[in-house]
Protein backbone atom coordinates (compact mmCIF):
# COMPACT_ATOMS: atom_id res chain seq x y z
CA MET A 1 -31.58 33.43 61.61
CA GLY A 2 -34.41 35.24 59.87
CA ARG A 3 -35.83 32.01 58.46
CA ILE A 4 -35.60 30.26 61.83
CA GLU A 5 -37.33 33.14 63.59
CA ALA A 6 -40.07 33.18 60.96
CA TRP A 7 -40.58 29.43 61.44
CA ASN A 8 -40.82 29.86 65.22
CA ASP A 9 -43.34 32.67 64.84
CA ASP A 10 -45.55 30.49 62.61
CA THR A 11 -45.40 27.48 64.96
CA ALA A 12 -48.41 27.11 67.24
CA TYR A 13 -48.00 27.30 70.98
CA HIS A 14 -48.42 24.12 72.99
CA LEU A 15 -51.75 25.37 74.35
CA GLU A 16 -53.06 25.56 70.80
CA LEU A 17 -52.13 21.95 69.96
CA ALA A 18 -54.68 19.18 70.32
CA ASP A 19 -53.89 16.10 72.34
CA ALA A 20 -52.69 13.11 70.27
CA ALA A 21 -55.62 11.03 71.52
CA THR A 22 -58.18 13.57 70.36
CA ALA A 23 -60.26 12.21 67.46
CA ARG A 24 -60.53 14.35 64.39
CA SER A 25 -63.94 15.88 63.83
CA ILE A 26 -66.10 14.11 61.25
CA THR A 27 -66.94 16.27 58.26
CA THR A 28 -69.75 16.00 55.72
CA GLU A 29 -67.25 14.54 53.24
CA VAL A 30 -66.54 11.66 55.61
CA TYR A 31 -70.24 10.95 56.10
CA GLU A 32 -70.84 11.04 52.34
CA ASP A 33 -67.98 8.60 51.89
CA TRP A 34 -69.69 6.30 54.39
CA LEU A 35 -72.84 6.50 52.27
CA ASN A 36 -70.88 5.11 49.33
CA TRP A 37 -69.72 2.26 51.52
CA ALA A 38 -73.29 1.68 52.70
CA ARG A 39 -74.48 1.44 49.10
CA SER A 40 -71.92 -1.23 48.30
CA TYR A 41 -72.85 -3.07 51.48
CA ALA A 42 -76.56 -3.05 50.56
CA LEU A 43 -75.77 -4.42 47.10
CA ALA A 44 -73.67 -7.12 48.75
CA TRP A 45 -76.75 -8.22 50.70
CA LEU A 46 -78.72 -8.54 47.47
CA GLY A 47 -75.79 -10.55 46.13
CA ILE A 48 -76.23 -12.91 49.09
CA LEU A 49 -79.86 -13.39 48.07
CA ASP A 50 -78.66 -14.19 44.54
CA LYS A 51 -76.40 -16.93 45.88
CA TYR A 52 -79.14 -18.51 47.96
CA GLU A 53 -81.63 -18.13 45.10
CA LEU A 54 -79.48 -20.35 42.90
CA ARG A 55 -79.29 -22.99 45.63
CA PHE A 56 -83.06 -22.84 46.12
CA ARG A 57 -83.72 -23.25 42.38
CA ALA A 58 -81.29 -26.13 42.10
CA THR A 59 -83.09 -27.84 44.99
CA GLY A 60 -86.45 -27.15 43.37
CA LEU A 61 -85.29 -28.70 40.11
CA LYS A 62 -84.13 -31.80 41.98
CA TYR A 63 -87.52 -31.97 43.72
CA HIS A 64 -89.53 -31.76 40.51
CA LYS A 65 -87.46 -34.50 38.88
CA ILE A 66 -88.96 -36.88 41.46
CA PRO A 67 -92.11 -38.51 40.06
CA PHE A 68 -95.26 -36.82 41.31
CA SER A 69 -96.73 -39.94 42.91
CA LEU A 70 -93.54 -40.72 44.82
CA ARG A 71 -93.03 -37.28 46.31
CA HIS A 72 -96.60 -37.33 47.62
CA SER A 73 -96.43 -40.77 49.21
CA ALA A 74 -95.16 -41.23 52.75
CA THR A 75 -94.12 -44.80 51.90
CA LEU A 76 -91.64 -44.67 49.02
CA LEU A 77 -90.14 -47.50 47.01
CA HIS A 78 -86.91 -47.51 48.99
CA GLY A 79 -86.13 -46.68 52.58
CA SER A 80 -88.24 -46.09 55.63
CA LYS A 81 -91.47 -44.17 55.86
CA ILE A 82 -91.22 -40.36 55.72
CA ASP A 83 -93.43 -38.13 57.81
CA GLN A 84 -96.34 -36.97 55.69
CA SER A 85 -96.11 -33.48 57.18
CA VAL A 86 -92.60 -33.19 55.73
CA LEU A 87 -93.86 -34.03 52.24
CA THR A 88 -96.74 -31.62 52.69
CA ARG A 89 -94.34 -28.84 53.63
CA LEU A 90 -92.25 -29.51 50.51
CA THR A 91 -95.43 -29.38 48.45
CA GLN A 92 -96.30 -25.99 49.93
CA ILE A 93 -92.87 -24.65 48.93
CA PHE A 94 -92.33 -26.21 45.50
CA GLU A 95 -95.85 -26.77 44.14
CA THR A 96 -97.56 -23.53 45.05
CA ASP A 97 -98.80 -20.81 42.75
CA ARG A 98 -98.89 -18.15 45.47
CA PRO A 99 -96.60 -15.12 45.03
CA ARG A 100 -93.50 -15.23 47.19
CA LYS A 101 -94.58 -12.27 49.26
CA LEU A 102 -97.51 -14.41 50.46
CA GLN A 103 -95.38 -17.46 51.31
CA SER A 104 -94.13 -17.75 54.89
CA TYR A 105 -90.98 -19.51 53.69
CA PHE A 106 -89.86 -16.37 51.85
CA THR A 107 -90.61 -13.94 54.68
CA PRO A 108 -86.89 -13.53 55.59
CA TRP A 109 -85.98 -13.20 51.91
CA MET A 110 -88.49 -10.39 51.46
CA GLU A 111 -87.37 -8.69 54.66
CA ILE A 112 -83.73 -8.62 53.52
CA ASN A 113 -84.73 -7.40 50.07
CA LYS A 114 -86.96 -4.68 51.52
CA ILE A 115 -84.28 -3.29 53.83
CA ALA A 116 -81.55 -3.43 51.16
CA THR A 117 -83.65 -1.81 48.43
CA GLU A 118 -84.99 0.90 50.74
CA THR A 119 -81.42 1.64 51.84
CA LEU A 120 -80.29 1.95 48.23
CA ALA A 121 -83.24 4.18 47.40
CA GLU A 122 -82.48 6.50 50.33
CA ILE A 123 -78.81 6.74 49.34
CA ASP A 124 -79.58 7.30 45.66
CA ASN A 125 -82.07 10.05 46.52
CA TYR A 126 -79.44 11.94 48.50
CA ARG A 127 -77.60 14.64 46.58
CA PRO A 128 -74.01 15.36 47.72
CA GLY A 129 -73.57 18.76 49.27
CA PHE A 130 -77.24 19.24 50.19
CA GLY A 131 -77.13 17.73 53.67
CA ASP A 132 -75.76 19.31 56.83
CA LEU A 133 -73.68 17.46 59.40
CA ASP A 134 -76.61 16.58 61.68
CA PHE A 135 -78.69 15.26 58.79
CA LEU A 136 -75.87 13.03 57.53
CA CYS A 137 -75.11 11.80 61.03
CA ALA A 138 -78.74 10.77 61.56
CA MET A 139 -78.89 9.19 58.12
CA ASN A 140 -75.78 7.06 58.69
CA ARG A 141 -77.02 6.03 62.13
CA ARG A 142 -80.34 4.96 60.60
CA LEU A 143 -78.55 2.92 57.93
CA ASP A 144 -76.39 1.19 60.55
CA LEU A 145 -79.54 0.17 62.45
CA SER A 146 -81.09 -1.13 59.21
CA PHE A 147 -78.05 -3.28 58.46
CA ALA A 148 -78.10 -4.64 62.00
CA MET A 149 -81.68 -5.81 61.42
CA LEU A 150 -80.55 -8.03 58.52
CA ILE A 151 -78.72 -10.58 60.67
CA LYS A 152 -81.83 -12.23 62.11
CA PRO A 153 -83.68 -12.85 58.81
CA LEU A 154 -80.43 -14.07 57.23
CA ASN A 155 -80.05 -16.73 59.93
CA ILE A 156 -83.67 -17.81 59.46
CA LEU A 157 -83.13 -17.96 55.69
CA ARG A 158 -80.06 -20.15 56.08
CA VAL A 159 -81.77 -22.56 58.44
CA GLY A 160 -84.80 -22.86 56.16
CA LEU A 161 -82.74 -23.38 53.02
CA HIS A 162 -80.53 -25.95 54.76
CA TRP A 163 -83.62 -27.92 55.84
CA VAL A 164 -85.11 -27.81 52.34
CA GLU A 165 -81.88 -28.97 50.70
CA ASN A 166 -81.39 -31.88 53.09
CA THR A 167 -85.03 -32.98 52.98
CA VAL A 168 -85.25 -32.91 49.17
CA ALA A 169 -81.98 -34.82 48.96
CA LEU A 170 -83.43 -37.44 51.32
CA VAL A 171 -86.54 -37.85 49.18
CA ALA A 172 -84.65 -37.79 45.88
CA GLU A 173 -82.20 -40.53 46.84
CA ARG A 174 -85.10 -42.92 47.45
CA SER A 175 -86.49 -42.42 43.96
CA PRO A 176 -84.98 -44.58 41.22
CA LEU A 177 -86.70 -42.55 38.50
CA ASP A 178 -85.80 -39.22 36.92
CA CYS A 179 -88.77 -37.63 35.20
CA CYS A 180 -86.71 -34.95 33.44
CA ASP A 181 -88.29 -35.84 30.09
CA VAL A 182 -91.75 -35.57 31.60
CA LEU A 183 -90.98 -32.07 32.89
CA ALA A 184 -90.37 -30.92 29.33
CA ALA A 185 -93.92 -31.93 28.39
CA LYS A 186 -96.05 -28.86 28.96
CA HIS A 187 -99.31 -30.70 29.61
CA SER A 188 -98.00 -33.56 31.75
CA LEU A 189 -98.79 -33.57 35.46
CA GLU A 190 -95.17 -33.05 36.50
CA GLY A 191 -94.62 -30.51 33.73
CA SER A 192 -97.64 -28.38 34.66
CA VAL A 193 -96.73 -28.38 38.36
CA PHE A 194 -93.13 -27.51 37.46
CA ARG A 195 -94.27 -24.52 35.38
CA ARG A 196 -96.63 -23.39 38.10
CA TRP A 197 -93.70 -23.25 40.54
CA ILE A 198 -91.53 -21.33 38.04
CA GLN A 199 -94.21 -18.67 37.71
CA THR A 200 -93.66 -17.75 41.37
CA PHE A 201 -90.07 -16.68 40.61
CA TRP A 202 -89.05 -13.19 41.56
CA GLU A 203 -88.52 -11.92 38.00
CA ILE A 204 -92.05 -13.00 37.02
CA ASP A 205 -93.69 -11.89 40.25
CA SER A 206 -92.20 -8.40 39.86
CA GLY A 207 -93.58 -8.11 36.32
CA THR A 208 -90.20 -7.80 34.63
CA VAL A 209 -90.94 -10.62 32.19
CA ARG A 210 -94.07 -12.14 30.74
CA ALA A 211 -94.97 -15.27 32.67
CA ALA A 212 -96.00 -17.64 29.87
CA ALA A 213 -93.16 -16.97 27.43
CA TYR A 214 -90.47 -16.74 30.10
CA THR A 215 -91.63 -19.95 31.74
CA GLU A 216 -91.15 -21.99 28.57
CA TYR A 217 -87.81 -20.31 27.94
CA TYR A 218 -86.64 -21.09 31.47
CA VAL A 219 -87.88 -24.70 31.34
CA GLY A 220 -85.93 -25.36 28.15
CA ARG A 221 -82.78 -23.73 29.51
CA VAL A 222 -82.77 -25.31 32.95
CA LEU A 223 -83.49 -28.82 31.67
CA ALA A 224 -80.69 -28.51 29.11
CA THR A 225 -77.96 -26.85 31.16
CA GLY A 226 -79.16 -26.84 34.77
CA VAL A 227 -79.71 -23.82 36.99
CA GLY A 228 -76.25 -22.47 36.18
CA THR A 229 -75.42 -18.99 37.38
CA GLY A 230 -77.36 -15.77 37.37
CA LYS A 231 -78.43 -12.67 39.24
CA TYR A 232 -82.03 -12.13 40.19
CA TRP A 233 -82.38 -10.00 43.30
CA SER A 234 -79.47 -7.61 42.63
CA THR A 235 -80.03 -7.40 38.88
CA MET A 236 -83.68 -6.53 39.34
CA LEU A 237 -82.64 -3.38 41.18
CA GLU A 238 -79.22 -2.55 39.78
CA SER A 239 -80.22 -2.81 36.13
CA ARG A 240 -83.49 -0.98 36.49
CA SER A 241 -82.04 2.53 36.33
CA ARG A 242 -79.79 1.60 33.41
CA ALA A 243 -82.72 -0.02 31.60
CA GLU A 244 -84.88 3.05 32.18
CA ASP A 245 -82.11 5.29 30.84
CA SER A 246 -81.79 3.10 27.74
CA LEU A 247 -85.54 3.17 27.14
CA MET A 248 -85.61 6.93 27.53
CA ARG A 249 -82.82 7.30 24.95
CA LEU A 250 -84.64 5.00 22.54
CA LYS A 251 -87.87 6.90 23.05
CA ALA A 252 -86.16 10.24 22.45
CA ALA A 253 -84.60 8.91 19.23
CA PHE A 254 -87.47 6.93 17.70
CA GLU A 255 -90.67 8.44 19.02
CA THR A 256 -90.29 11.79 17.30
CA CYS A 257 -92.96 13.45 15.18
CA ARG A 258 -91.34 16.67 13.91
CA ILE A 259 -88.33 17.28 11.72
CA GLU A 260 -86.99 19.66 14.36
CA GLU A 261 -86.70 16.73 16.78
CA TYR A 262 -84.83 14.71 14.15
CA GLN A 263 -82.47 17.59 13.52
CA ALA A 264 -81.87 18.00 17.25
CA ILE A 265 -80.64 14.39 17.44
CA PHE A 266 -78.01 14.99 14.79
CA ALA A 267 -77.26 18.61 15.74
CA PRO A 268 -74.08 17.75 17.72
CA LEU A 269 -72.77 15.62 14.85
CA SER A 270 -73.62 18.32 12.31
CA ALA A 271 -71.76 20.88 14.41
CA LEU A 272 -68.70 18.61 14.53
CA ILE A 273 -68.79 18.18 10.76
CA GLN A 274 -68.98 21.94 10.30
CA ARG A 275 -66.03 22.47 12.66
CA ALA A 276 -64.02 19.85 10.75
CA SER A 277 -64.82 21.63 7.48
CA ASP A 278 -63.78 24.99 8.96
CA LEU A 279 -60.55 23.46 10.27
CA ARG A 280 -59.77 22.04 6.84
CA SER A 281 -60.36 25.44 5.23
CA ASP A 282 -58.15 27.11 7.84
CA ALA A 283 -55.34 24.60 7.22
CA MET A 284 -55.53 25.10 3.45
CA HIS A 285 -55.61 28.88 3.80
CA SER A 286 -52.64 28.98 6.19
CA SER A 287 -50.56 26.81 3.85
CA LEU A 288 -50.66 29.61 1.27
CA HIS A 289 -49.60 32.47 3.51
CA GLY A 290 -46.63 33.28 5.75
CA THR A 291 -43.16 31.85 5.97
CA VAL A 292 -42.33 28.19 6.32
CA VAL A 293 -41.71 28.63 10.02
CA GLN A 294 -45.03 30.42 10.50
CA ARG A 295 -46.91 27.77 8.54
CA TYR A 296 -45.25 24.98 10.54
CA HIS A 297 -46.01 26.69 13.85
CA HIS A 298 -49.66 27.23 12.86
CA LEU A 299 -50.04 23.63 11.73
CA MET A 300 -48.40 21.95 14.73
CA HIS A 301 -49.61 24.25 17.50
CA GLU A 302 -53.08 25.18 16.31
CA VAL A 303 -54.42 22.90 13.59
CA VAL A 304 -53.16 19.54 14.86
CA PRO A 305 -54.22 20.01 18.54
CA THR A 306 -57.64 21.23 17.40
CA MET A 307 -57.98 18.26 15.06
CA TYR A 308 -57.03 15.86 17.86
CA HIS A 309 -59.72 17.19 20.20
CA LEU A 310 -62.22 17.25 17.35
CA LEU A 311 -61.57 13.58 16.59
CA GLN A 312 -62.12 12.72 20.25
CA GLU A 313 -65.50 14.45 20.19
CA ILE A 314 -66.44 12.65 16.97
CA VAL A 315 -65.56 9.30 18.54
CA GLN A 316 -67.67 10.14 21.59
CA GLU A 317 -70.61 11.10 19.39
CA ARG A 318 -70.17 7.89 17.41
CA GLU A 319 -70.29 5.87 20.63
CA LYS A 320 -73.67 7.42 21.43
CA PHE A 321 -75.14 6.09 18.19
CA LEU A 322 -73.50 2.69 18.67
CA THR A 323 -74.96 2.51 22.17
CA LEU A 324 -78.35 3.44 20.77
CA ASN A 325 -78.06 0.62 18.25
CA ASP A 326 -77.03 -1.84 20.98
CA ASN A 327 -79.98 -0.78 23.12
CA ALA A 328 -82.38 -1.32 20.22
CA ASN A 329 -80.93 -4.78 19.52
CA SER A 330 -81.14 -5.69 23.21
CA LEU A 331 -84.76 -4.60 23.35
CA ASP A 332 -85.52 -6.66 20.24
CA HIS A 333 -83.80 -9.68 21.81
CA ILE A 334 -85.82 -9.32 25.00
CA SER A 335 -88.98 -9.07 22.92
CA GLN A 336 -88.18 -12.31 21.12
CA VAL A 337 -87.14 -14.25 24.23
CA PHE A 338 -89.74 -13.11 26.74
CA ARG A 339 -92.68 -12.24 24.49
CA GLY A 340 -92.38 -15.16 22.11
CA SER A 341 -91.25 -15.41 18.50
CA ALA A 342 -93.07 -15.62 15.20
CA GLU A 343 -92.78 -19.42 15.32
CA SER A 344 -94.32 -19.72 18.78
CA ASP A 345 -97.83 -19.19 20.07
CA HIS A 346 -97.01 -15.62 21.14
CA ARG A 347 -96.40 -13.02 18.46
CA TYR A 348 -93.74 -10.49 19.34
CA ALA A 349 -94.24 -8.58 16.07
CA TRP A 350 -97.25 -6.31 16.38
CA LEU A 351 -97.28 -5.52 12.67
CA ASP A 352 -98.20 -8.41 10.37
CA ALA A 353 -98.25 -8.16 6.60
CA TYR A 354 -101.81 -7.94 5.25
CA TYR A 355 -102.34 -8.68 1.59
CA THR A 356 -105.49 -8.44 -0.47
CA HIS A 357 -105.07 -9.03 -4.18
CA GLY A 358 -101.42 -8.21 -3.87
CA GLU A 359 -102.05 -4.90 -2.11
CA ARG A 360 -100.81 -4.11 1.39
CA PHE A 361 -103.18 -2.57 3.86
CA ILE A 362 -102.55 -0.70 7.08
CA PRO A 363 -103.20 -2.98 10.06
CA ALA A 364 -106.29 -2.06 11.99
CA HIS A 365 -105.02 -3.43 15.32
CA MET A 366 -102.40 -2.01 17.66
CA LEU A 367 -103.05 1.54 16.47
CA GLU A 368 -100.81 3.07 19.11
CA GLU A 369 -97.72 1.34 17.70
CA TRP A 370 -98.72 2.15 14.13
CA ASN A 371 -99.31 5.82 14.87
CA THR A 372 -95.98 6.07 16.73
CA LEU A 373 -94.13 4.49 13.80
CA ARG A 374 -95.96 6.70 11.31
CA ALA A 375 -95.08 9.85 13.28
CA TRP A 376 -91.41 8.86 13.41
CA VAL A 377 -91.29 8.23 9.67
CA TRP A 378 -92.83 11.67 9.11
CA SER A 379 -90.03 13.29 11.12
CA LEU A 380 -87.45 12.03 8.60
CA PRO A 381 -86.36 14.73 6.12
CA GLU A 382 -86.55 12.45 3.07
CA THR A 383 -90.13 11.51 3.97
CA GLN A 384 -91.23 15.10 4.10
CA ARG A 385 -89.59 15.82 0.74
CA VAL A 386 -91.33 12.88 -0.95
CA VAL A 387 -94.73 13.52 0.62
CA THR A 388 -94.59 17.28 0.04
CA ALA A 389 -93.72 16.72 -3.61
CA GLY A 390 -96.76 14.44 -3.93
CA TYR A 391 -94.88 11.35 -5.06
CA ARG A 392 -96.21 9.11 -2.26
CA SER A 393 -98.37 9.36 0.83
CA LEU A 394 -97.05 9.03 4.37
CA ASP A 395 -98.76 5.65 4.79
CA GLU A 396 -97.15 4.34 1.61
CA VAL A 397 -93.69 5.43 2.76
CA THR A 398 -94.21 3.84 6.18
CA LEU A 399 -95.45 0.54 4.77
CA GLU A 400 -92.66 0.41 2.24
CA MET A 401 -90.10 0.90 4.99
CA VAL A 402 -91.64 -1.86 7.13
CA PHE A 403 -92.13 -4.45 4.41
CA SER A 404 -88.84 -3.79 2.64
CA GLU A 405 -87.12 -4.47 5.98
CA GLU A 406 -88.97 -7.78 6.30
CA GLU A 407 -88.12 -8.76 2.73
CA GLU A 408 -84.44 -8.01 3.31
CA GLU A 409 -84.46 -10.23 6.40
CA GLU A 410 -86.09 -13.06 4.42
CA GLU A 411 -83.46 -12.75 1.69
CA GLU A 412 -80.67 -12.96 4.29
CA LEU A 413 -82.20 -16.13 5.73
CA THR A 414 -82.59 -17.82 2.35
CA ASN A 415 -79.11 -16.92 1.03
């Protein structure tokens, strides 16, 4: 009876119970969860732009494969006459050198991108726990209104893209020629117009890649394999923060100038090595003292668990250096692809080997890069030991490091 009476005493009276139809009050946690949904929704809109971007580029490639003279003539070789205004409109879309933000055709594209990116920026700038209920309510209401504004430009985009696809298909089917080989020629009429259109692409217009080098890279790829797949609108935004983080890590690791900065990079790893050494000493010491049971207990309940956690930390630290190496390789790859290679007209290597009577000289150009490299080499402990002892100068050590790396690469290529 005592337990039943206690349960009755703890049960709320009917006047204290809320009606079943009463909605639960929305908390800040619920609003913050809606913000996460809104972020995914905004990224989905950029994904929609990616999908339509691929269709637009595929249509543009089909357009440029039509001989220049035919796509500018109202009377083609086959079929009835086409309205000259239609051909003029296609010319304005696919043969312009104006940035997309100045083209009326891309107005709905830019409007969708603007709303989606501003939404993402507002969400990313919000810090959980710093907003009250009224602030979050107003923020979510504002985001809902922004998403509602995307429907109209999306419909305009679809109609415009549908018209472009159908019209280009109509013109292309009347042309018996495919000037794909001519497009590869940089200085041909079709090739120059094709490259001019490519330089209006979003990744070039935003300054992410260098126009000249990327254009030739894209021409070679698209003529060989077609438009394929890819992300342009969403990647431009989604990868930016990760790219900035990677660049900051690379800068912190390789733009040092003092040995203290070098030591700070390896300080966590040095501390792990010292802890591993101390653990080894502890295990050896405990094996010489106490009974068998005591030694077993110490080993299994103290040494082994500590060693397990220590190994996990070492693996995590190792992953940091592997990620740093991957970031450096990725940056080098981007430099070669988008800035040109040693075999092309655009040098991606700022440091060339200068020889005069067999002697190497410090390059006089690009002093900022040289001074940054020189400062990093000085931060290395072995450099300071050699220079302090008077065996070699800092410039000699830096040049030897650069040119020995180049010679090793040449040996790998020849073997």
